[in-house]
Amino acid sequence: MIGAFRAPGLPAAFREDLWLRQGARGYSEGTSIETLVSLLVACEECVDGARLLCVDRGLLRLWSRPGLPAVETLRAFLNRFYDAAAE
């Protein structure tokens, strides 16, 4: 799944369409999207499930990542797209 996610052109499309930027700790917003998609694939319904992904050394090694964005970082990223008026 990660290989497909990192397919040529997809990260660039995220940067163009979502105006992605690099986070203060060095995680790109693309990494946040990748982590959230991985949560969905793992059947996690809550951002808090990212805590499980963050401690999985095998998964991090497979992804070639030293770590993943914190749950609070992921929640803040999602909140940028929340529109209370749309409810």
Protein backbone atom coordinates (compact mmCIF):
# COMPACT_ATOMS: atom_id res chain seq x y z
CA MET A 1 0.00 0.00 0.00
CA ILE A 2 2.81 2.42 0.84
CA GLY A 3 4.47 1.66 -2.50
CA ALA A 4 1.28 2.65 -4.31
CA PHE A 5 0.93 5.71 -2.11
CA ARG A 6 4.44 6.83 -3.02
CA ALA A 7 3.89 6.19 -6.73
CA PRO A 8 5.40 8.77 -9.07
CA GLY A 9 3.24 11.85 -9.24
CA LEU A 10 1.07 11.24 -6.18
CA PRO A 11 3.17 13.18 -3.63
CA ALA A 12 3.49 16.03 -6.15
CA ALA A 13 -0.29 16.04 -6.62
CA PHE A 14 -0.75 16.40 -2.87
CA ARG A 15 1.67 19.31 -2.78
CA GLU A 16 -0.13 21.06 -5.64
CA ASP A 17 -3.72 20.44 -4.58
CA LEU A 18 -3.39 20.78 -0.80
CA TRP A 19 -0.64 23.39 -0.57
CA LEU A 20 1.38 21.12 1.68
CA ARG A 21 4.19 22.44 3.83
CA GLN A 22 6.88 20.99 6.05
CA GLY A 23 6.05 20.78 9.76
CA ALA A 24 8.15 22.28 12.51
CA ARG A 25 9.50 18.85 13.50
CA GLY A 26 10.39 17.95 9.95
CA TYR A 27 7.36 15.84 9.05
CA SER A 28 5.74 16.88 5.82
CA GLU A 29 2.01 17.09 5.53
CA GLY A 30 2.36 14.32 2.95
CA THR A 31 3.64 12.13 5.80
CA SER A 32 0.53 13.05 7.80
CA ILE A 33 -1.67 12.03 4.87
CA GLU A 34 0.29 8.80 4.44
CA THR A 35 -0.12 8.00 8.14
CA LEU A 36 -3.85 8.73 8.09
CA VAL A 37 -4.39 6.57 5.01
CA SER A 38 -2.43 3.79 6.73
CA LEU A 39 -4.74 4.07 9.73
CA LEU A 40 -7.73 3.58 7.45
CA VAL A 41 -6.11 0.56 5.81
CA ALA A 42 -5.43 -0.88 9.29
CA CYS A 43 -9.17 -0.44 10.06
CA GLU A 44 -8.53 2.16 12.73
CA GLU A 45 -11.44 4.54 13.13
CA CYS A 46 -9.71 7.02 15.41
CA VAL A 47 -6.58 9.14 15.03
CA ASP A 48 -5.47 7.77 18.40
CA GLY A 49 -4.72 4.51 16.60
CA ALA A 50 -1.60 6.21 15.24
CA ARG A 51 0.00 5.49 18.60
CA LEU A 52 0.11 1.83 17.56
CA LEU A 53 1.77 2.64 14.24
CA CYS A 54 4.35 4.91 15.91
CA VAL A 55 5.75 2.11 18.08
CA ASP A 56 5.85 -0.56 15.37
CA ARG A 57 9.59 -0.68 14.57
CA GLY A 58 9.06 -3.13 11.72
CA LEU A 59 6.54 -0.87 10.05
CA LEU A 60 8.77 2.17 10.46
CA ARG A 61 11.67 0.26 8.97
CA LEU A 62 9.51 -0.91 6.08
CA TRP A 63 8.51 2.70 5.47
CA SER A 64 12.11 3.91 5.87
CA ARG A 65 11.02 6.38 8.54
CA PRO A 66 12.57 7.12 11.94
CA GLY A 67 9.14 7.99 13.31
CA LEU A 68 5.66 9.24 12.47
CA PRO A 69 3.75 12.41 13.30
CA ALA A 70 2.27 12.50 16.79
CA VAL A 71 -1.46 12.00 17.26
CA GLU A 72 -1.79 15.68 18.16
CA THR A 73 -0.05 16.64 14.91
CA LEU A 74 -2.41 14.44 12.89
CA ARG A 75 -5.45 15.85 14.70
CA ALA A 76 -4.29 19.44 14.06
CA PHE A 77 -3.75 18.58 10.38
CA LEU A 78 -7.30 17.22 10.07
CA ASN A 79 -8.78 20.19 11.93
CA ARG A 80 -7.46 22.49 9.21
CA PHE A 81 -10.08 20.95 6.91
CA TYR A 82 -12.96 21.12 9.40
CA ASP A 83 -15.73 23.57 8.65
CA ALA A 84 -18.30 23.91 11.44
CA ALA A 85 -20.61 25.83 9.10
CA ALA A 86 -20.85 22.77 6.85
CA GLU A 87 -22.54 20.67 9.53
